[in-house]
Each structure stands twice: as C-alpha cells, then as structure tokens.
Amino acid sequence: MTQRVAFRLWVKPERLEEYKRLHQEVWPELLDDMRAASIRNYSIFSDGPELFGYLECDDWAAASAALARSDANRRWQEFMTGYLATPVDPDAPEPMRMMDEIFRME
C-alpha cells in the first residue's frame, strides 16, 4: 500500500528565491537515490518562506533509512542547511517534522 507523507519546512526568507532556483536543478544522483528508495510523486510548495512537502512511497521508515545511507542525500542536506531555517537531519529518527493526515478523498 502506498504511504503518503507530508511535512513542513521553513526557508530563510532572504534565501527563498535561490532555494527555488536550486530545486529546478536537483542533482540527478539524488533523484536516482530517491526513486530507488521508492519515493515518487514528490512536490514542494511555497507560501513565502513556509514550505509544504508531499510525497508517496512504499514505506516511509524504509525510505528514510535508504536516504540516510545515500551520499547524494547527505551532501544535499548539508548544502541546504545554508537555506533552511529548519534543517533536515538524515541521522535523526524523524529527519523532518511530519504532518498527520486527517482527510483523504480518493
């Protein structure tokens, strides 16, 4: 069964435009590692510096563990620390603050 994952992050306001630009050029090796971890249908939305992320995967715990082993993901998260007010820690049990799903219409 597909697991749906949603999260919020905040970008440093002065870095927002560059953050958006960088996400038009995500590293191919990172995208490959994400796909290998079963991540698909991944989107990030912006409301000013507040970001909302949504993705689907087979198992979020397994996908997170796979990304924690990914050199490309580790380098990307380190790179993003200069942009995010809420950095992602690939080594944390929950690398991002997740949102609870309260409604679904299919």
PDB file of N, CA and C in Angstrom:
ATOM      1  N   MET A   1       0.838  -1.187   0.000  1.00  0.00           N
ATOM      2  CA  MET A   1       0.000   0.000   0.000  1.00  0.00           C
ATOM      3  C   MET A   1       0.886   1.255   0.000  1.00  0.00           C
ATOM      4  N   THR A   2       0.491   2.232  -0.736  1.00  0.00           N
ATOM      5  CA  THR A   2       1.245   3.479  -0.816  1.00  0.00           C
ATOM      6  C   THR A   2       1.094   4.289   0.458  1.00  0.00           C
ATOM      7  N   GLN A   3       2.210   4.766   0.961  1.00  0.00           N
ATOM      8  CA  GLN A   3       2.200   5.647   2.115  1.00  0.00           C
ATOM      9  C   GLN A   3       2.341   7.080   1.622  1.00  0.00           C
ATOM     10  N   ARG A   4       1.501   7.968   2.128  1.00  0.00           N
ATOM     11  CA  ARG A   4       1.541   9.381   1.770  1.00  0.00           C
ATOM     12  C   ARG A   4       2.205  10.132   2.913  1.00  0.00           C
ATOM     13  N   VAL A   5       3.160  10.988   2.587  1.00  0.00           N
ATOM     14  CA  VAL A   5       3.949  11.700   3.585  1.00  0.00           C
ATOM     15  C   VAL A   5       3.853  13.192   3.313  1.00  0.00           C
ATOM     16  N   ALA A   6       3.592  13.966   4.350  1.00  0.00           N
ATOM     17  CA  ALA A   6       3.548  15.421   4.237  1.00  0.00           C
ATOM     18  C   ALA A   6       4.386  16.023   5.357  1.00  0.00           C
ATOM     19  N   PHE A   7       5.038  17.137   5.053  1.00  0.00           N
ATOM     20  CA  PHE A   7       5.872  17.797   6.048  1.00  0.00           C
ATOM     21  C   PHE A   7       5.952  19.292   5.749  1.00  0.00           C
ATOM     22  N   ARG A   8       6.378  20.045   6.753  1.00  0.00           N
ATOM     23  CA  ARG A   8       6.599  21.472   6.596  1.00  0.00           C
ATOM     24  C   ARG A   8       8.044  21.798   6.944  1.00  0.00           C
ATOM     25  N   LEU A   9       8.573  22.744   6.224  1.00  0.00           N
ATOM     26  CA  LEU A   9       9.908  23.299   6.479  1.00  0.00           C
ATOM     27  C   LEU A   9       9.828  24.803   6.274  1.00  0.00           C
ATOM     28  N   TRP A  10      10.812  25.511   6.756  1.00  0.00           N
ATOM     29  CA  TRP A  10      10.888  26.945   6.521  1.00  0.00           C
ATOM     30  C   TRP A  10      12.242  27.280   5.928  1.00  0.00           C
ATOM     31  N   VAL A  11      12.212  28.140   4.928  1.00  0.00           N
ATOM     32  CA  VAL A  11      13.423  28.641   4.287  1.00  0.00           C
ATOM     33  C   VAL A  11      13.745  29.997   4.904  1.00  0.00           C
ATOM     34  N   LYS A  12      15.021  30.300   5.006  1.00  0.00           N
ATOM     35  CA  LYS A  12      15.413  31.646   5.415  1.00  0.00           C
ATOM     36  C   LYS A  12      14.868  32.600   4.349  1.00  0.00           C
ATOM     37  N   PRO A  13      14.067  33.583   4.743  1.00  0.00           N
ATOM     38  CA  PRO A  13      13.399  34.442   3.746  1.00  0.00           C
ATOM     39  C   PRO A  13      14.339  35.046   2.712  1.00  0.00           C
ATOM     40  N   GLU A  14      15.505  35.429   3.123  1.00  0.00           N
ATOM     41  CA  GLU A  14      16.450  36.051   2.189  1.00  0.00           C
ATOM     42  C   GLU A  14      17.061  35.049   1.203  1.00  0.00           C
ATOM     43  N   ARG A  15      16.845  33.760   1.426  1.00  0.00           N
ATOM     44  CA  ARG A  15      17.392  32.718   0.552  1.00  0.00           C
ATOM     45  C   ARG A  15      16.320  32.041  -0.293  1.00  0.00           C
ATOM     46  N   LEU A  16      15.064  32.481  -0.188  1.00  0.00           N
ATOM     47  CA  LEU A  16      13.945  31.791  -0.827  1.00  0.00           C
ATOM     48  C   LEU A  16      14.082  31.695  -2.337  1.00  0.00           C
ATOM     49  N   GLU A  17      14.399  32.779  -3.006  1.00  0.00           N
ATOM     50  CA  GLU A  17      14.469  32.749  -4.473  1.00  0.00           C
ATOM     51  C   GLU A  17      15.573  31.816  -4.961  1.00  0.00           C
ATOM     52  N   GLU A  18      16.713  31.828  -4.282  1.00  0.00           N
ATOM     53  CA  GLU A  18      17.789  30.915  -4.676  1.00  0.00           C
ATOM     54  C   GLU A  18      17.403  29.460  -4.373  1.00  0.00           C
ATOM     55  N   TYR A  19      16.724  29.234  -3.258  1.00  0.00           N
ATOM     56  CA  TYR A  19      16.237  27.895  -2.916  1.00  0.00           C
ATOM     57  C   TYR A  19      15.330  27.365  -4.025  1.00  0.00           C
ATOM     58  N   LYS A  20      14.414  28.205  -4.485  1.00  0.00           N
ATOM     59  CA  LYS A  20      13.515  27.809  -5.578  1.00  0.00           C
ATOM     60  C   LYS A  20      14.307  27.482  -6.840  1.00  0.00           C
ATOM     61  N   ARG A  21      15.284  28.310  -7.163  1.00  0.00           N
ATOM     62  CA  ARG A  21      16.101  28.079  -8.353  1.00  0.00           C
ATOM     63  C   ARG A  21      16.854  26.752  -8.251  1.00  0.00           C
ATOM     64  N   LEU A  22      17.432  26.476  -7.114  1.00  0.00           N
ATOM     65  CA  LEU A  22      18.193  25.239  -6.929  1.00  0.00           C
ATOM     66  C   LEU A  22      17.310  24.000  -7.088  1.00  0.00           C
ATOM     67  N   HIS A  23      16.047  24.123  -6.752  1.00  0.00           N
ATOM     68  CA  HIS A  23      15.154  22.977  -6.883  1.00  0.00           C
ATOM     69  C   HIS A  23      14.676  22.765  -8.319  1.00  0.00           C
ATOM     70  N   GLN A  24      15.081  23.625  -9.203  1.00  0.00           N
ATOM     71  CA  GLN A  24      14.869  23.374 -10.639  1.00  0.00           C
ATOM     72  C   GLN A  24      16.040  22.571 -11.210  1.00  0.00           C
ATOM     73  N   GLU A  25      17.086  22.378 -10.391  1.00  0.00           N
ATOM     74  CA  GLU A  25      18.313  21.708 -10.828  1.00  0.00           C
ATOM     75  C   GLU A  25      18.761  20.654  -9.809  1.00  0.00           C
ATOM     76  N   VAL A  26      17.822  19.903  -9.251  1.00  0.00           N
ATOM     77  CA  VAL A  26      18.179  18.881  -8.260  1.00  0.00           C
ATOM     78  C   VAL A  26      19.113  17.867  -8.915  1.00  0.00           C
ATOM     79  N   TRP A  27      20.130  17.483  -8.180  1.00  0.00           N
ATOM     80  CA  TRP A  27      21.151  16.581  -8.704  1.00  0.00           C
ATOM     81  C   TRP A  27      20.535  15.269  -9.183  1.00  0.00           C
ATOM     82  N   PRO A  28      20.899  14.815 -10.378  1.00  0.00           N
ATOM     83  CA  PRO A  28      20.362  13.545 -10.904  1.00  0.00           C
ATOM     84  C   PRO A  28      20.631  12.354  -9.986  1.00  0.00           C
ATOM     85  N   GLU A  29      21.805  12.310  -9.349  1.00  0.00           N
ATOM     86  CA  GLU A  29      22.111  11.181  -8.467  1.00  0.00           C
ATOM     87  C   GLU A  29      21.208  11.178  -7.234  1.00  0.00           C
ATOM     88  N   LEU A  30      20.796  12.342  -6.765  1.00  0.00           N
ATOM     89  CA  LEU A  30      19.854  12.407  -5.645  1.00  0.00           C
ATOM     90  C   LEU A  30      18.479  11.916  -6.090  1.00  0.00           C
ATOM     91  N   LEU A  31      18.039  12.343  -7.251  1.00  0.00           N
ATOM     92  CA  LEU A  31      16.749  11.868  -7.770  1.00  0.00           C
ATOM     93  C   LEU A  31      16.763  10.357  -7.955  1.00  0.00           C
ATOM     94  N   ASP A  32      17.879   9.811  -8.445  1.00  0.00           N
ATOM     95  CA  ASP A  32      18.003   8.355  -8.606  1.00  0.00           C
ATOM     96  C   ASP A  32      17.893   7.646  -7.256  1.00  0.00           C
ATOM     97  N   ASP A  33      18.573   8.180  -6.233  1.00  0.00           N
ATOM     98  CA  ASP A  33      18.521   7.567  -4.903  1.00  0.00           C
ATOM     99  C   ASP A  33      17.121   7.656  -4.307  1.00  0.00           C
ATOM    100  N   MET A  34      16.437   8.751  -4.566  1.00  0.00           N
ATOM    101  CA  MET A  34      15.062   8.886  -4.072  1.00  0.00           C
ATOM    102  C   MET A  34      14.147   7.865  -4.742  1.00  0.00           C
ATOM    103  N   ARG A  35      14.287   7.723  -6.052  1.00  0.00           N
ATOM    104  CA  ARG A  35      13.479   6.726  -6.763  1.00  0.00           C
ATOM    105  C   ARG A  35      13.786   5.310  -6.261  1.00  0.00           C
ATOM    106  N   ALA A  36      15.067   5.022  -6.028  1.00  0.00           N
ATOM    107  CA  ALA A  36      15.460   3.704  -5.527  1.00  0.00           C
ATOM    108  C   ALA A  36      14.877   3.437  -4.140  1.00  0.00           C
ATOM    109  N   ALA A  37      14.612   4.506  -3.379  1.00  0.00           N
ATOM    110  CA  ALA A  37      14.017   4.376  -2.047  1.00  0.00           C
ATOM    111  C   ALA A  37      12.488   4.317  -2.112  1.00  0.00           C
ATOM    112  N   SER A  38      11.941   4.227  -3.318  1.00  0.00           N
ATOM    113  CA  SER A  38      10.507   4.126  -3.623  1.00  0.00           C
ATOM    114  C   SER A  38       9.777   5.466  -3.521  1.00  0.00           C
ATOM    115  N   ILE A  39      10.493   6.565  -3.447  1.00  0.00           N
ATOM    116  CA  ILE A  39       9.848   7.885  -3.367  1.00  0.00           C
ATOM    117  C   ILE A  39       9.380   8.289  -4.760  1.00  0.00           C
ATOM    118  N   ARG A  40       8.139   8.735  -4.807  1.00  0.00           N
ATOM    119  CA  ARG A  40       7.544   9.172  -6.065  1.00  0.00           C
ATOM    120  C   ARG A  40       6.505  10.254  -5.783  1.00  0.00           C
ATOM    121  N   ASN A  41       6.063  10.896  -6.839  1.00  0.00           N
ATOM    122  CA  ASN A  41       5.036  11.929  -6.733  1.00  0.00           C
ATOM    123  C   ASN A  41       5.395  12.956  -5.657  1.00  0.00           C
ATOM    124  N   TYR A  42       6.638  13.427  -5.690  1.00  0.00           N
ATOM    125  CA  TYR A  42       7.182  14.328  -4.671  1.00  0.00           C
ATOM    126  C   TYR A  42       7.027  15.762  -5.156  1.00  0.00           C
ATOM    127  N   SER A  43       6.416  16.584  -4.332  1.00  0.00           N
ATOM    128  CA  SER A  43       6.246  18.004  -4.635  1.00  0.00           C
ATOM    129  C   SER A  43       6.583  18.829  -3.406  1.00  0.00           C
ATOM    130  N   ILE A  44       7.092  20.023  -3.646  1.00  0.00           N
ATOM    131  CA  ILE A  44       7.302  21.012  -2.587  1.00  0.00           C
ATOM    132  C   ILE A  44       6.582  22.279  -3.026  1.00  0.00           C
ATOM    133  N   PHE A  45       5.769  22.831  -2.120  1.00  0.00           N
ATOM    134  CA  PHE A  45       5.033  24.056  -2.379  1.00  0.00           C
ATOM    135  C   PHE A  45       5.546  25.132  -1.432  1.00  0.00           C
ATOM    136  N   SER A  46       5.450  26.385  -1.865  1.00  0.00           N
ATOM    137  CA  SER A  46       5.919  27.506  -1.055  1.00  0.00           C
ATOM    138  C   SER A  46       4.782  28.492  -0.808  1.00  0.00           C
ATOM    139  N   ASP A  47       4.655  28.913   0.427  1.00  0.00           N
ATOM    140  CA  ASP A  47       3.803  30.039   0.807  1.00  0.00           C
ATOM    141  C   ASP A  47       4.754  31.013   1.484  1.00  0.00           C
ATOM    142  N   GLY A  48       5.430  31.811   0.659  1.00  0.00           N
ATOM    143  CA  GLY A  48       6.520  32.623   1.195  1.00  0.00           C
ATOM    144  C   GLY A  48       7.598  31.670   1.667  1.00  0.00           C
ATOM    145  N   PRO A  49       8.176  31.927   2.839  1.00  0.00           N
ATOM    146  CA  PRO A  49       9.256  31.052   3.323  1.00  0.00           C
ATOM    147  C   PRO A  49       8.776  29.723   3.914  1.00  0.00           C
ATOM    148  N   GLU A  50       7.479  29.552   4.071  1.00  0.00           N
ATOM    149  CA  GLU A  50       6.964  28.283   4.575  1.00  0.00           C
ATOM    150  C   GLU A  50       6.798  27.309   3.414  1.00  0.00           C
ATOM    151  N   LEU A  51       7.364  26.114   3.570  1.00  0.00           N
ATOM    152  CA  LEU A  51       7.302  25.079   2.544  1.00  0.00           C
ATOM    153  C   LEU A  51       6.410  23.941   3.021  1.00  0.00           C
ATOM    154  N   PHE A  52       5.684  23.381   2.082  1.00  0.00           N
ATOM    155  CA  PHE A  52       4.887  22.190   2.338  1.00  0.00           C
ATOM    156  C   PHE A  52       5.359  21.133   1.362  1.00  0.00           C
ATOM    157  N   GLY A  53       5.782  19.994   1.869  1.00  0.00           N
ATOM    158  CA  GLY A  53       6.238  18.903   1.016  1.00  0.00           C
ATOM    159  C   GLY A  53       5.280  17.736   1.065  1.00  0.00           C
ATOM    160  N   TYR A  54       5.123  17.084  -0.060  1.00  0.00           N
ATOM    161  CA  TYR A  54       4.264  15.905  -0.157  1.00  0.00           C
ATOM    162  C   TYR A  54       4.972  14.879  -1.035  1.00  0.00           C
ATOM    163  N   LEU A  55       4.928  13.628  -0.604  1.00  0.00           N
ATOM    164  CA  LEU A  55       5.482  12.542  -1.405  1.00  0.00           C
ATOM    165  C   LEU A  55       4.739  11.261  -1.108  1.00  0.00           C
ATOM    166  N   GLU A  56       4.944  10.302  -1.978  1.00  0.00           N
ATOM    167  CA  GLU A  56       4.404   8.972  -1.784  1.00  0.00           C
ATOM    168  C   GLU A  56       5.560   7.983  -1.832  1.00  0.00           C
ATOM    169  N   CYS A  57       5.433   6.920  -1.057  1.00  0.00           N
ATOM    170  CA  CYS A  57       6.458   5.872  -1.041  1.00  0.00           C
ATOM    171  C   CYS A  57       5.821   4.579  -0.559  1.00  0.00           C
ATOM    172  N   ASP A  58       6.578   3.501  -0.620  1.00  0.00           N
ATOM    173  CA  ASP A  58       6.059   2.220  -0.148  1.00  0.00           C
ATOM    174  C   ASP A  58       6.084   2.147   1.378  1.00  0.00           C
ATOM    175  N   ASP A  59       7.137   2.666   1.982  1.00  0.00           N
ATOM    176  CA  ASP A  59       7.313   2.598   3.442  1.00  0.00           C
ATOM    177  C   ASP A  59       8.227   3.750   3.847  1.00  0.00           C
ATOM    178  N   TRP A  60       7.697   4.727   4.566  1.00  0.00           N
ATOM    179  CA  TRP A  60       8.475   5.917   4.904  1.00  0.00           C
ATOM    180  C   TRP A  60       9.693   5.579   5.764  1.00  0.00           C
ATOM    181  N   ALA A  61       9.555   4.669   6.718  1.00  0.00           N
ATOM    182  CA  ALA A  61      10.702   4.307   7.558  1.00  0.00           C
ATOM    183  C   ALA A  61      11.818   3.715   6.698  1.00  0.00           C
ATOM    184  N   ALA A  62      11.469   2.840   5.765  1.00  0.00           N
ATOM    185  CA  ALA A  62      12.480   2.238   4.884  1.00  0.00           C
ATOM    186  C   ALA A  62      13.063   3.284   3.935  1.00  0.00           C
ATOM    187  N   ALA A  63      12.227   4.169   3.409  1.00  0.00           N
ATOM    188  CA  ALA A  63      12.718   5.219   2.508  1.00  0.00           C
ATOM    189  C   ALA A  63      13.662   6.154   3.249  1.00  0.00           C
ATOM    190  N   SER A  64      13.316   6.526   4.480  1.00  0.00           N
ATOM    191  CA  SER A  64      14.189   7.394   5.282  1.00  0.00           C
ATOM    192  C   SER A  64      15.527   6.732   5.561  1.00  0.00           C
ATOM    193  N   ALA A  65      15.492   5.435   5.869  1.00  0.00           N
ATOM    194  CA  ALA A  65      16.737   4.697   6.130  1.00  0.00           C
ATOM    195  C   ALA A  65      17.593   4.651   4.873  1.00  0.00           C
ATOM    196  N   ALA A  66      16.973   4.426   3.721  1.00  0.00           N
ATOM    197  CA  ALA A  66      17.725   4.402   2.461  1.00  0.00           C
ATOM    198  C   ALA A  66      18.343   5.763   2.176  1.00  0.00           C
ATOM    199  N   LEU A  67      17.593   6.827   2.404  1.00  0.00           N
ATOM    200  CA  LEU A  67      18.138   8.171   2.167  1.00  0.00           C
ATOM    201  C   LEU A  67      19.250   8.505   3.148  1.00  0.00           C
ATOM    202  N   ALA A  68      19.166   7.993   4.367  1.00  0.00           N
ATOM    203  CA  ALA A  68      20.228   8.226   5.351  1.00  0.00           C
ATOM    204  C   ALA A  68      21.543   7.592   4.891  1.00  0.00           C
ATOM    205  N   ARG A  69      21.460   6.534   4.075  1.00  0.00           N
ATOM    206  CA  ARG A  69      22.663   5.874   3.544  1.00  0.00           C
ATOM    207  C   ARG A  69      23.131   6.492   2.227  1.00  0.00           C
ATOM    208  N   SER A  70      22.357   7.404   1.678  1.00  0.00           N
ATOM    209  CA  SER A  70      22.665   7.997   0.380  1.00  0.00           C
ATOM    210  C   SER A  70      23.671   9.133   0.513  1.00  0.00           C
ATOM    211  N   ASP A  71      24.804   8.981  -0.155  1.00  0.00           N
ATOM    212  CA  ASP A  71      25.809  10.050  -0.145  1.00  0.00           C
ATOM    213  C   ASP A  71      25.247  11.321  -0.788  1.00  0.00           C
ATOM    214  N   ALA A  72      24.504  11.175  -1.872  1.00  0.00           N
ATOM    215  CA  ALA A  72      23.931  12.348  -2.546  1.00  0.00           C
ATOM    216  C   ALA A  72      22.960  13.073  -1.618  1.00  0.00           C
ATOM    217  N   ASN A  73      22.122  12.327  -0.901  1.00  0.00           N
ATOM    218  CA  ASN A  73      21.182  12.962   0.025  1.00  0.00           C
ATOM    219  C   ASN A  73      21.909  13.670   1.156  1.00  0.00           C
ATOM    220  N   ARG A  74      22.930  13.022   1.690  1.00  0.00           N
ATOM    221  CA  ARG A  74      23.701  13.639   2.787  1.00  0.00           C
ATOM    222  C   ARG A  74      24.337  14.949   2.318  1.00  0.00           C
ATOM    223  N   ARG A  75      24.921  14.949   1.121  1.00  0.00           N
ATOM    224  CA  ARG A  75      25.537  16.174   0.589  1.00  0.00           C
ATOM    225  C   ARG A  75      24.482  17.244   0.320  1.00  0.00           C
ATOM    226  N   TRP A  76      23.323  16.837  -0.215  1.00  0.00           N
ATOM    227  CA  TRP A  76      22.248  17.803  -0.499  1.00  0.00           C
ATOM    228  C   TRP A  76      21.741  18.435   0.798  1.00  0.00           C
ATOM    229  N   GLN A  77      21.527  17.611   1.832  1.00  0.00           N
ATOM    230  CA  GLN A  77      21.026  18.155   3.100  1.00  0.00           C
ATOM    231  C   GLN A  77      22.054  19.094   3.733  1.00  0.00           C
ATOM    232  N   GLU A  78      23.322  18.754   3.632  1.00  0.00           N
ATOM    233  CA  GLU A  78      24.365  19.662   4.137  1.00  0.00           C
ATOM    234  C   GLU A  78      24.348  20.974   3.360  1.00  0.00           C
ATOM    235  N   PHE A  79      24.190  20.899   2.050  1.00  0.00           N
ATOM    236  CA  PHE A  79      24.122  22.078   1.194  1.00  0.00           C
ATOM    237  C   PHE A  79      22.909  22.939   1.568  1.00  0.00           C
ATOM    238  N   MET A  80      21.796  22.303   1.850  1.00  0.00           N
ATOM    239  CA  MET A  80      20.554  23.023   2.152  1.00  0.00           C
ATOM    240  C   MET A  80      20.565  23.688   3.522  1.00  0.00           C
ATOM    241  N   THR A  81      21.475  23.311   4.416  1.00  0.00           N
ATOM    242  CA  THR A  81      21.488  23.924   5.749  1.00  0.00           C
ATOM    243  C   THR A  81      21.678  25.431   5.668  1.00  0.00           C
ATOM    244  N   GLY A  82      22.342  25.918   4.628  1.00  0.00           N
ATOM    245  CA  GLY A  82      22.506  27.355   4.459  1.00  0.00           C
ATOM    246  C   GLY A  82      21.231  28.056   4.012  1.00  0.00           C
ATOM    247  N   TYR A  83      20.238  27.298   3.594  1.00  0.00           N
ATOM    248  CA  TYR A  83      18.985  27.849   3.080  1.00  0.00           C
ATOM    249  C   TYR A  83      17.815  27.650   4.035  1.00  0.00           C
ATOM    250  N   LEU A  84      17.824  26.554   4.758  1.00  0.00           N
ATOM    251  CA  LEU A  84      16.662  26.207   5.580  1.00  0.00           C
ATOM    252  C   LEU A  84      16.776  26.762   6.994  1.00  0.00           C
ATOM    253  N   ALA A  85      15.668  27.308   7.472  1.00  0.00           N
ATOM    254  CA  ALA A  85      15.571  27.712   8.871  1.00  0.00           C
ATOM    255  C   ALA A  85      15.301  26.483   9.741  1.00  0.00           C
ATOM    256  N   THR A  86      14.804  25.406   9.133  1.00  0.00           N
ATOM    257  CA  THR A  86      14.548  24.132   9.814  1.00  0.00           C
ATOM    258  C   THR A  86      15.280  23.037   9.033  1.00  0.00           C
ATOM    259  N   PRO A  87      16.576  22.852   9.273  1.00  0.00           N
ATOM    260  CA  PRO A  87      17.346  21.866   8.503  1.00  0.00           C
ATOM    261  C   PRO A  87      16.836  20.439   8.691  1.00  0.00           C
ATOM    262  N   VAL A  88      17.141  19.605   7.706  1.00  0.00           N
ATOM    263  CA  VAL A  88      16.806  18.181   7.737  1.00  0.00           C
ATOM    264  C   VAL A  88      18.042  17.433   8.209  1.00  0.00           C
ATOM    265  N   ASP A  89      17.863  16.543   9.181  1.00  0.00           N
ATOM    266  CA  ASP A  89      18.972  15.748   9.713  1.00  0.00           C
ATOM    267  C   ASP A  89      18.773  14.295   9.312  1.00  0.00           C
ATOM    268  N   PRO A  90      19.507  13.805   8.292  1.00  0.00           N
ATOM    269  CA  PRO A  90      19.311  12.421   7.838  1.00  0.00           C
ATOM    270  C   PRO A  90      19.570  11.374   8.921  1.00  0.00           C
ATOM    271  N   ASP A  91      20.311  11.722   9.973  1.00  0.00           N
ATOM    272  CA  ASP A  91      20.618  10.756  11.029  1.00  0.00           C
ATOM    273  C   ASP A  91      19.585  10.733  12.152  1.00  0.00           C
ATOM    274  N   ALA A  92      18.668  11.680  12.165  1.00  0.00           N
ATOM    275  CA  ALA A  92      17.650  11.733  13.219  1.00  0.00           C
ATOM    276  C   ALA A  92      16.598  10.646  12.995  1.00  0.00           C
ATOM    277  N   PRO A  93      15.998  10.146  14.080  1.00  0.00           N
ATOM    278  CA  PRO A  93      14.945   9.132  13.920  1.00  0.00           C
ATOM    279  C   PRO A  93      13.803   9.648  13.039  1.00  0.00           C
ATOM    280  N   GLU A  94      13.473  10.910  13.152  1.00  0.00           N
ATOM    281  CA  GLU A  94      12.485  11.543  12.277  1.00  0.00           C
ATOM    282  C   GLU A  94      13.177  12.767  11.680  1.00  0.00           C
ATOM    283  N   PRO A  95      13.718  12.649  10.450  1.00  0.00           N
ATOM    284  CA  PRO A  95      14.553  13.711   9.890  1.00  0.00           C
ATOM    285  C   PRO A  95      13.836  15.045   9.676  1.00  0.00           C
ATOM    286  N   MET A  96      12.487  14.991   9.567  1.00  0.00           N
ATOM    287  CA  MET A  96      11.689  16.206   9.394  1.00  0.00           C
ATOM    288  C   MET A  96      10.464  16.102  10.285  1.00  0.00           C
ATOM    289  N   ARG A  97       9.887  17.237  10.593  1.00  0.00           N
ATOM    290  CA  ARG A  97       8.641  17.231  11.358  1.00  0.00           C
ATOM    291  C   ARG A  97       7.503  16.859  10.412  1.00  0.00           C
ATOM    292  N   MET A  98       6.911  15.706  10.645  1.00  0.00           N
ATOM    293  CA  MET A  98       5.885  15.181   9.765  1.00  0.00           C
ATOM    294  C   MET A  98       4.519  15.745  10.146  1.00  0.00           C
ATOM    295  N   MET A  99       3.613  15.715   9.180  1.00  0.00           N
ATOM    296  CA  MET A  99       2.241  16.153   9.401  1.00  0.00           C
ATOM    297  C   MET A  99       1.332  14.922   9.414  1.00  0.00           C
ATOM    298  N   ASP A 100       0.299  14.951  10.244  1.00  0.00           N
ATOM    299  CA  ASP A 100      -0.673  13.860  10.300  1.00  0.00           C
ATOM    300  C   ASP A 100      -1.729  14.064   9.225  1.00  0.00           C
ATOM    301  N   GLU A 101      -2.076  13.003   8.544  1.00  0.00           N
ATOM    302  CA  GLU A 101      -3.156  13.060   7.563  1.00  0.00           C
ATOM    303  C   GLU A 101      -4.484  12.982   8.309  1.00  0.00           C
ATOM    304  N   ILE A 102      -5.360  13.945   8.057  1.00  0.00           N
ATOM    305  CA  ILE A 102      -6.652  13.946   8.735  1.00  0.00           C
ATOM    306  C   ILE A 102      -7.827  13.775   7.783  1.00  0.00           C
ATOM    307  N   PHE A 103      -7.597  13.894   6.480  1.00  0.00           N
ATOM    308  CA  PHE A 103      -8.667  13.725   5.499  1.00  0.00           C
ATOM    309  C   PHE A 103      -8.054  13.270   4.186  1.00  0.00           C
ATOM    310  N   ARG A 104      -8.767  12.365   3.515  1.00  0.00           N
ATOM    311  CA  ARG A 104      -8.343  11.912   2.184  1.00  0.00           C
ATOM    312  C   ARG A 104      -9.578  11.674   1.347  1.00  0.00           C
ATOM    313  N   MET A 105      -9.591  12.243   0.159  1.00  0.00           N
ATOM    314  CA  MET A 105     -10.654  11.983  -0.785  1.00  0.00           C
ATOM    315  C   MET A 105     -10.046  11.285  -1.982  1.00  0.00           C
ATOM    316  N   GLU A 106     -10.532  10.098  -2.303  1.00  0.00           N
ATOM    317  CA  GLU A 106      -9.997   9.357  -3.445  1.00  0.00           C
ATOM    318  C   GLU A 106     -11.047   9.217  -4.499  1.00  0.00           C
TER     319      GLU A 106
END
